[in-house]
PDB file of N, CA and C in Angstrom:
ATOM      1  N   MET A   1     102.857 117.894  93.354  1.00  0.00           N
ATOM      2  CA  MET A   1     101.900 116.848  93.000  1.00  0.00           C
ATOM      3  C   MET A   1     101.543 116.069  94.268  1.00  0.00           C
ATOM      4  N   ILE A   2     100.322 115.576  94.255  1.00  0.00           N
ATOM      5  CA  ILE A   2      99.836 114.770  95.372  1.00  0.00           C
ATOM      6  C   ILE A   2      99.520 113.375  94.838  1.00  0.00           C
ATOM      7  N   TYR A   3     100.004 112.362  95.566  1.00  0.00           N
ATOM      8  CA  TYR A   3      99.860 110.976  95.162  1.00  0.00           C
ATOM      9  C   TYR A   3      99.169 110.193  96.274  1.00  0.00           C
ATOM     10  N   THR A   4      98.773 108.961  95.982  1.00  0.00           N
ATOM     11  CA  THR A   4      98.213 108.110  97.025  1.00  0.00           C
ATOM     12  C   THR A   4      99.343 107.501  97.835  1.00  0.00           C
ATOM     13  N   ARG A   5      99.178 107.503  99.129  1.00  0.00           N
ATOM     14  CA  ARG A   5     100.206 106.956 100.020  1.00  0.00           C
ATOM     15  C   ARG A   5     100.372 105.452  99.783  1.00  0.00           C
ATOM     16  N   SER A   6      99.255 104.778  99.511  1.00  0.00           N
ATOM     17  CA  SER A   6      99.330 103.337  99.291  1.00  0.00           C
ATOM     18  C   SER A   6     100.159 102.987  98.049  1.00  0.00           C
ATOM     19  N   SER A   7     100.098 103.812  97.019  1.00  0.00           N
ATOM     20  CA  SER A   7     100.924 103.536  95.834  1.00  0.00           C
ATOM     21  C   SER A   7     102.394 103.746  96.133  1.00  0.00           C
ATOM     22  N   PHE A   8     102.714 104.691  96.997  1.00  0.00           N
ATOM     23  CA  PHE A   8     104.115 104.917  97.392  1.00  0.00           C
ATOM     24  C   PHE A   8     104.621 103.759  98.226  1.00  0.00           C
ATOM     25  N   ILE A   9     103.791 103.247  99.150  1.00  0.00           N
ATOM     26  CA  ILE A   9     104.164 102.122  99.978  1.00  0.00           C
ATOM     27  C   ILE A   9     104.354 100.865  99.113  1.00  0.00           C
ATOM     28  N   THR A  10     103.469 100.682  98.150  1.00  0.00           N
ATOM     29  CA  THR A  10     103.617  99.553  97.237  1.00  0.00           C
ATOM     30  C   THR A  10     104.921  99.672  96.435  1.00  0.00           C
ATOM     31  N   TRP A  11     105.216 100.864  95.972  1.00  0.00           N
ATOM     32  CA  TRP A  11     106.471 101.103  95.224  1.00  0.00           C
ATOM     33  C   TRP A  11     107.682 100.801  96.074  1.00  0.00           C
ATOM     34  N   LEU A  12     107.636 101.225  97.342  1.00  0.00           N
ATOM     35  CA  LEU A  12     108.759 100.962  98.259  1.00  0.00           C
ATOM     36  C   LEU A  12     108.988  99.469  98.472  1.00  0.00           C
ATOM     37  N   THR A  13     107.915  98.714  98.628  1.00  0.00           N
ATOM     38  CA  THR A  13     108.068  97.293  98.905  1.00  0.00           C
ATOM     39  C   THR A  13     108.437  96.484  97.658  1.00  0.00           C
ATOM     40  N   LYS A  14     107.799  96.775  96.540  1.00  0.00           N
ATOM     41  CA  LYS A  14     108.027  95.972  95.346  1.00  0.00           C
ATOM     42  C   LYS A  14     109.282  96.375  94.573  1.00  0.00           C
ATOM     43  N   THR A  15     109.549  97.674  94.444  1.00  0.00           N
ATOM     44  CA  THR A  15     110.666  98.134  93.630  1.00  0.00           C
ATOM     45  C   THR A  15     111.947  98.224  94.426  1.00  0.00           C
ATOM     46  N   CYS A  16     111.888  98.784  95.620  1.00  0.00           N
ATOM     47  CA  CYS A  16     113.105  98.998  96.427  1.00  0.00           C
ATOM     48  C   CYS A  16     113.306  97.891  97.459  1.00  0.00           C
ATOM     49  N   HIS A  17     112.345  97.017  97.622  1.00  0.00           N
ATOM     50  CA  HIS A  17     112.428  95.898  98.572  1.00  0.00           C
ATOM     51  C   HIS A  17     112.634  96.383 100.017  1.00  0.00           C
ATOM     52  N   CYS A  18     111.908  97.441 100.368  1.00  0.00           N
ATOM     53  CA  CYS A  18     111.941  97.966 101.745  1.00  0.00           C
ATOM     54  C   CYS A  18     111.043  97.110 102.631  1.00  0.00           C
ATOM     55  N   GLU A  19     111.410  97.050 103.898  1.00  0.00           N
ATOM     56  CA  GLU A  19     110.581  96.399 104.898  1.00  0.00           C
ATOM     57  C   GLU A  19     109.735  97.470 105.586  1.00  0.00           C
ATOM     58  N   ILE A  20     108.445  97.221 105.696  1.00  0.00           N
ATOM     59  CA  ILE A  20     107.548  98.205 106.315  1.00  0.00           C
ATOM     60  C   ILE A  20     106.764  97.476 107.395  1.00  0.00           C
ATOM     61  N   GLU A  21     106.795  98.064 108.593  1.00  0.00           N
ATOM     62  CA  GLU A  21     106.048  97.495 109.716  1.00  0.00           C
ATOM     63  C   GLU A  21     105.488  98.634 110.586  1.00  0.00           C
ATOM     64  N   PRO A  22     104.339  98.440 111.199  1.00  0.00           N
ATOM     65  CA  PRO A  22     103.778  99.479 112.086  1.00  0.00           C
ATOM     66  C   PRO A  22     104.554  99.554 113.388  1.00  0.00           C
ATOM     67  N   LEU A  23     104.556 100.718 113.967  1.00  0.00           N
ATOM     68  CA  LEU A  23     105.161 100.923 115.283  1.00  0.00           C
ATOM     69  C   LEU A  23     104.326 100.145 116.308  1.00  0.00           C
ATOM     70  N   ARG A  24     104.966  99.508 117.247  1.00  0.00           N
ATOM     71  CA  ARG A  24     104.247  98.628 118.187  1.00  0.00           C
ATOM     72  C   ARG A  24     103.192  99.335 118.990  1.00  0.00           C
ATOM     73  N   ASN A  25     103.518 100.485 119.527  1.00  0.00           N
ATOM     74  CA  ASN A  25     102.551 101.174 120.409  1.00  0.00           C
ATOM     75  C   ASN A  25     101.667 102.178 119.664  1.00  0.00           C
ATOM     76  N   ASN A  26     101.923 102.392 118.352  1.00  0.00           N
ATOM     77  CA  ASN A  26     101.114 103.320 117.584  1.00  0.00           C
ATOM     78  C   ASN A  26     100.989 102.809 116.147  1.00  0.00           C
ATOM     79  N   PRO A  27      99.891 102.166 115.798  1.00  0.00           N
ATOM     80  CA  PRO A  27      99.768 101.597 114.456  1.00  0.00           C
ATOM     81  C   PRO A  27      99.606 102.639 113.350  1.00  0.00           C
ATOM     82  N   LYS A  28      99.458 103.923 113.709  1.00  0.00           N
ATOM     83  CA  LYS A  28      99.359 104.971 112.704  1.00  0.00           C
ATOM     84  C   LYS A  28     100.725 105.434 112.211  1.00  0.00           C
ATOM     85  N   VAL A  29     101.768 104.867 112.769  1.00  0.00           N
ATOM     86  CA  VAL A  29     103.131 105.188 112.336  1.00  0.00           C
ATOM     87  C   VAL A  29     103.776 103.940 111.754  1.00  0.00           C
ATOM     88  N   LEU A  30     104.301 104.080 110.533  1.00  0.00           N
ATOM     89  CA  LEU A  30     104.989 102.974 109.882  1.00  0.00           C
ATOM     90  C   LEU A  30     106.495 103.194 109.917  1.00  0.00           C
ATOM     91  N   ILE A  31     107.231 102.144 110.166  1.00  0.00           N
ATOM     92  CA  ILE A  31     108.700 102.209 110.117  1.00  0.00           C
ATOM     93  C   ILE A  31     109.119 101.576 108.784  1.00  0.00           C
ATOM     94  N   ILE A  32     109.816 102.345 107.987  1.00  0.00           N
ATOM     95  CA  ILE A  32     110.310 101.877 106.699  1.00  0.00           C
ATOM     96  C   ILE A  32     111.804 101.612 106.832  1.00  0.00           C
ATOM     97  N   LYS A  33     112.229 100.428 106.458  1.00  0.00           N
ATOM     98  CA  LYS A  33     113.647 100.053 106.566  1.00  0.00           C
ATOM     99  C   LYS A  33     114.191  99.717 105.181  1.00  0.00           C
ATOM    100  N   TYR A  34     115.338 100.291 104.865  1.00  0.00           N
ATOM    101  CA  TYR A  34     116.050  99.994 103.632  1.00  0.00           C
ATOM    102  C   TYR A  34     117.516  99.785 104.005  1.00  0.00           C
ATOM    103  N   PHE A  35     117.942  98.539 103.999  1.00  0.00           N
ATOM    104  CA  PHE A  35     119.253  98.137 104.488  1.00  0.00           C
ATOM    105  C   PHE A  35     119.456  98.638 105.910  1.00  0.00           C
ATOM    106  N   ASN A  36     120.383  99.537 106.189  1.00  0.00           N
ATOM    107  CA  ASN A  36     120.650 100.019 107.542  1.00  0.00           C
ATOM    108  C   ASN A  36     119.907 101.308 107.876  1.00  0.00           C
ATOM    109  N   GLU A  37     119.219 101.882 106.904  1.00  0.00           N
ATOM    110  CA  GLU A  37     118.525 103.161 107.111  1.00  0.00           C
ATOM    111  C   GLU A  37     117.056 102.924 107.452  1.00  0.00           C
ATOM    112  N   SER A  38     116.467 103.867 108.168  1.00  0.00           N
ATOM    113  CA  SER A  38     115.056 103.770 108.483  1.00  0.00           C
ATOM    114  C   SER A  38     114.411 105.156 108.496  1.00  0.00           C
ATOM    115  N   SER A  39     113.116 105.163 108.332  1.00  0.00           N
ATOM    116  CA  SER A  39     112.351 106.402 108.322  1.00  0.00           C
ATOM    117  C   SER A  39     110.963 106.096 108.876  1.00  0.00           C
ATOM    118  N   LYS A  40     110.340 107.073 109.499  1.00  0.00           N
ATOM    119  CA  LYS A  40     108.995 106.905 110.040  1.00  0.00           C
ATOM    120  C   LYS A  40     107.996 107.666 109.167  1.00  0.00           C
ATOM    121  N   MET A  41     106.880 107.027 108.895  1.00  0.00           N
ATOM    122  CA  MET A  41     105.824 107.646 108.086  1.00  0.00           C
ATOM    123  C   MET A  41     104.533 107.622 108.871  1.00  0.00           C
ATOM    124  N   PHE A  42     103.894 108.786 108.995  1.00  0.00           N
ATOM    125  CA  PHE A  42     102.615 108.884 109.660  1.00  0.00           C
ATOM    126  C   PHE A  42     101.492 108.575 108.667  1.00  0.00           C
ATOM    127  N   VAL A  43     100.554 107.757 109.081  1.00  0.00           N
ATOM    128  CA  VAL A  43      99.460 107.341 108.204  1.00  0.00           C
ATOM    129  C   VAL A  43      98.164 107.900 108.767  1.00  0.00           C
ATOM    130  N   ASN A  44      97.344 108.471 107.910  1.00  0.00           N
ATOM    131  CA  ASN A  44      96.023 108.957 108.317  1.00  0.00           C
ATOM    132  C   ASN A  44      94.970 108.326 107.405  1.00  0.00           C
ATOM    133  N   GLN A  45      93.724 108.671 107.602  1.00  0.00           N
ATOM    134  CA  GLN A  45      92.670 108.090 106.807  1.00  0.00           C
ATOM    135  C   GLN A  45      92.650 108.623 105.379  1.00  0.00           C
ATOM    136  N   LYS A  46      93.190 109.812 105.161  1.00  0.00           N
ATOM    137  CA  LYS A  46      93.315 110.333 103.809  1.00  0.00           C
ATOM    138  C   LYS A  46      94.543 109.662 103.187  1.00  0.00           C
ATOM    139  N   ASP A  47      94.350 108.966 102.138  1.00  0.00           N
ATOM    140  CA  ASP A  47      95.446 108.182 101.520  1.00  0.00           C
ATOM    141  C   ASP A  47      96.218 109.088 100.554  1.00  0.00           C
ATOM    142  N   VAL A  48      96.807 110.179 101.083  1.00  0.00           N
ATOM    143  CA  VAL A  48      97.541 111.115 100.221  1.00  0.00           C
ATOM    144  C   VAL A  48      98.931 111.383 100.773  1.00  0.00           C
ATOM    145  N   ILE A  49      99.854 111.687  99.862  1.00  0.00           N
ATOM    146  CA  ILE A  49     101.214 112.069 100.223  1.00  0.00           C
ATOM    147  C   ILE A  49     101.714 113.027  99.148  1.00  0.00           C
ATOM    148  N   ASP A  50     102.374 114.095  99.568  1.00  0.00           N
ATOM    149  CA  ASP A  50     102.886 115.032  98.565  1.00  0.00           C
ATOM    150  C   ASP A  50     104.337 114.675  98.216  1.00  0.00           C
ATOM    151  N   TYR A  51     104.814 115.285  97.131  1.00  0.00           N
ATOM    152  CA  TYR A  51     106.132 114.902  96.629  1.00  0.00           C
ATOM    153  C   TYR A  51     107.255 115.326  97.574  1.00  0.00           C
ATOM    154  N   GLU A  52     107.047 116.369  98.371  1.00  0.00           N
ATOM    155  CA  GLU A  52     108.057 116.804  99.334  1.00  0.00           C
ATOM    156  C   GLU A  52     108.297 115.723 100.382  1.00  0.00           C
ATOM    157  N   GLU A  53     107.216 115.096 100.848  1.00  0.00           N
ATOM    158  CA  GLU A  53     107.363 114.017 101.842  1.00  0.00           C
ATOM    159  C   GLU A  53     108.035 112.789 101.205  1.00  0.00           C
ATOM    160  N   ILE A  54     107.688 112.492  99.951  1.00  0.00           N
ATOM    161  CA  ILE A  54     108.350 111.389  99.245  1.00  0.00           C
ATOM    162  C   ILE A  54     109.826 111.657  99.158  1.00  0.00           C
ATOM    163  N   TYR A  55     110.205 112.891  98.848  1.00  0.00           N
ATOM    164  CA  TYR A  55     111.627 113.250  98.723  1.00  0.00           C
ATOM    165  C   TYR A  55     112.347 113.137 100.058  1.00  0.00           C
ATOM    166  N   LEU A  56     111.681 113.494 101.162  1.00  0.00           N
ATOM    167  CA  LEU A  56     112.273 113.367 102.499  1.00  0.00           C
ATOM    168  C   LEU A  56     112.570 111.897 102.814  1.00  0.00           C
ATOM    169  N   HIS A  57     111.616 111.000 102.505  1.00  0.00           N
ATOM    170  CA  HIS A  57     111.859 109.588 102.745  1.00  0.00           C
ATOM    171  C   HIS A  57     112.972 109.072 101.846  1.00  0.00           C
ATOM    172  N   TYR A  58     113.039 109.545 100.624  1.00  0.00           N
ATOM    173  CA  TYR A  58     114.111 109.175  99.681  1.00  0.00           C
ATOM    174  C   TYR A  58     115.479 109.539 100.257  1.00  0.00           C
ATOM    175  N   GLN A  59     115.596 110.749 100.829  1.00  0.00           N
ATOM    176  CA  GLN A  59     116.870 111.177 101.408  1.00  0.00           C
ATOM    177  C   GLN A  59     117.217 110.396 102.674  1.00  0.00           C
ATOM    178  N   ARG A  60     116.243 110.194 103.544  1.00  0.00           N
ATOM    179  CA  ARG A  60     116.510 109.483 104.789  1.00  0.00           C
ATOM    180  C   ARG A  60     116.910 108.035 104.566  1.00  0.00           C
ATOM    181  N   LEU A  61     116.270 107.390 103.576  1.00  0.00           N
ATOM    182  CA  LEU A  61     116.524 105.968 103.337  1.00  0.00           C
ATOM    183  C   LEU A  61     117.679 105.718 102.406  1.00  0.00           C
ATOM    184  N   LEU A  62     118.180 106.778 101.767  1.00  0.00           N
ATOM    185  CA  LEU A  62     119.251 106.650 100.767  1.00  0.00           C
ATOM    186  C   LEU A  62     118.859 105.680  99.661  1.00  0.00           C
ATOM    187  N   LEU A  63     117.636 105.873  99.125  1.00  0.00           N
ATOM    188  CA  LEU A  63     117.134 105.017  98.046  1.00  0.00           C
ATOM    189  C   LEU A  63     117.901 105.254  96.759  1.00  0.00           C
ATOM    190  N   PRO A  64     117.996 104.266  95.876  1.00  0.00           N
ATOM    191  CA  PRO A  64     118.778 104.418  94.650  1.00  0.00           C
ATOM    192  C   PRO A  64     118.185 105.425  93.685  1.00  0.00           C
ATOM    193  N   TYR A  65     116.857 105.611  93.675  1.00  0.00           N
ATOM    194  CA  TYR A  65     116.237 106.587  92.770  1.00  0.00           C
ATOM    195  C   TYR A  65     114.862 106.967  93.292  1.00  0.00           C
ATOM    196  N   LEU A  66     114.350 108.083  92.782  1.00  0.00           N
ATOM    197  CA  LEU A  66     113.028 108.577  93.147  1.00  0.00           C
ATOM    198  C   LEU A  66     111.976 107.957  92.245  1.00  0.00           C
ATOM    199  N   PRO A  67     110.756 107.776  92.768  1.00  0.00           N
ATOM    200  CA  PRO A  67     109.683 107.309  91.894  1.00  0.00           C
ATOM    201  C   PRO A  67     109.230 108.428  90.973  1.00  0.00           C
ATOM    202  N   GLY A  68     108.758 108.066  89.817  1.00  0.00           N
ATOM    203  CA  GLY A  68     108.259 109.043  88.868  1.00  0.00           C
ATOM    204  C   GLY A  68     106.729 109.019  88.856  1.00  0.00           C
ATOM    205  N   ASP A  69     106.158 109.870  87.989  1.00  0.00           N
ATOM    206  CA  ASP A  69     104.718 109.922  87.881  1.00  0.00           C
ATOM    207  C   ASP A  69     104.120 108.599  87.405  1.00  0.00           C
ATOM    208  N   LYS A  70     104.838 107.867  86.598  1.00  0.00           N
ATOM    209  CA  LYS A  70     104.300 106.594  86.112  1.00  0.00           C
ATOM    210  C   LYS A  70     104.369 105.499  87.176  1.00  0.00           C
ATOM    211  N   ASP A  71     105.145 105.707  88.236  1.00  0.00           N
ATOM    212  CA  ASP A  71     105.264 104.695  89.299  1.00  0.00           C
ATOM    213  C   ASP A  71     104.210 104.858  90.378  1.00  0.00           C
ATOM    214  N   LEU A  72     103.606 106.055  90.497  1.00  0.00           N
ATOM    215  CA  LEU A  72     102.673 106.327  91.571  1.00  0.00           C
ATOM    216  C   LEU A  72     101.306 106.747  90.992  1.00  0.00           C
ATOM    217  N   VAL A  73     100.275 106.636  91.817  1.00  0.00           N
ATOM    218  CA  VAL A  73      98.909 107.020  91.416  1.00  0.00           C
ATOM    219  C   VAL A  73      98.678 108.465  91.861  1.00  0.00           C
ATOM    220  N   ILE A  74      98.330 109.320  90.897  1.00  0.00           N
ATOM    221  CA  ILE A  74      98.086 110.740  91.180  1.00  0.00           C
ATOM    222  C   ILE A  74      96.686 110.934  91.696  1.00  0.00           C
ATOM    223  N   VAL A  75      96.541 111.762  92.734  1.00  0.00           N
ATOM    224  CA  VAL A  75      95.210 112.096  93.282  1.00  0.00           C
ATOM    225  C   VAL A  75      94.660 113.240  92.453  1.00  0.00           C
ATOM    226  N   GLU A  76      93.455 113.075  91.975  1.00  0.00           N
ATOM    227  CA  GLU A  76      92.831 114.102  91.113  1.00  0.00           C
ATOM    228  C   GLU A  76      92.325 115.241  91.943  1.00  0.00           C
TER     229      GLU A  76
END
């Protein structure tokens, strides 16, 4: 499935209380922090993210649970 990246970022900040900030020298890269863990996310003009990338961030950040279809906006 393909979702909007903005809905995933919103879910990370509101549900998991992650801190998200752009990389200083490259604003197209976001640093996601969850307690002591961090992950880098590349942002492009297409606001899409596939579930494999969501799962990779889930593993790197050691999040308590994965988002479901009802938590994210599906790209038609």
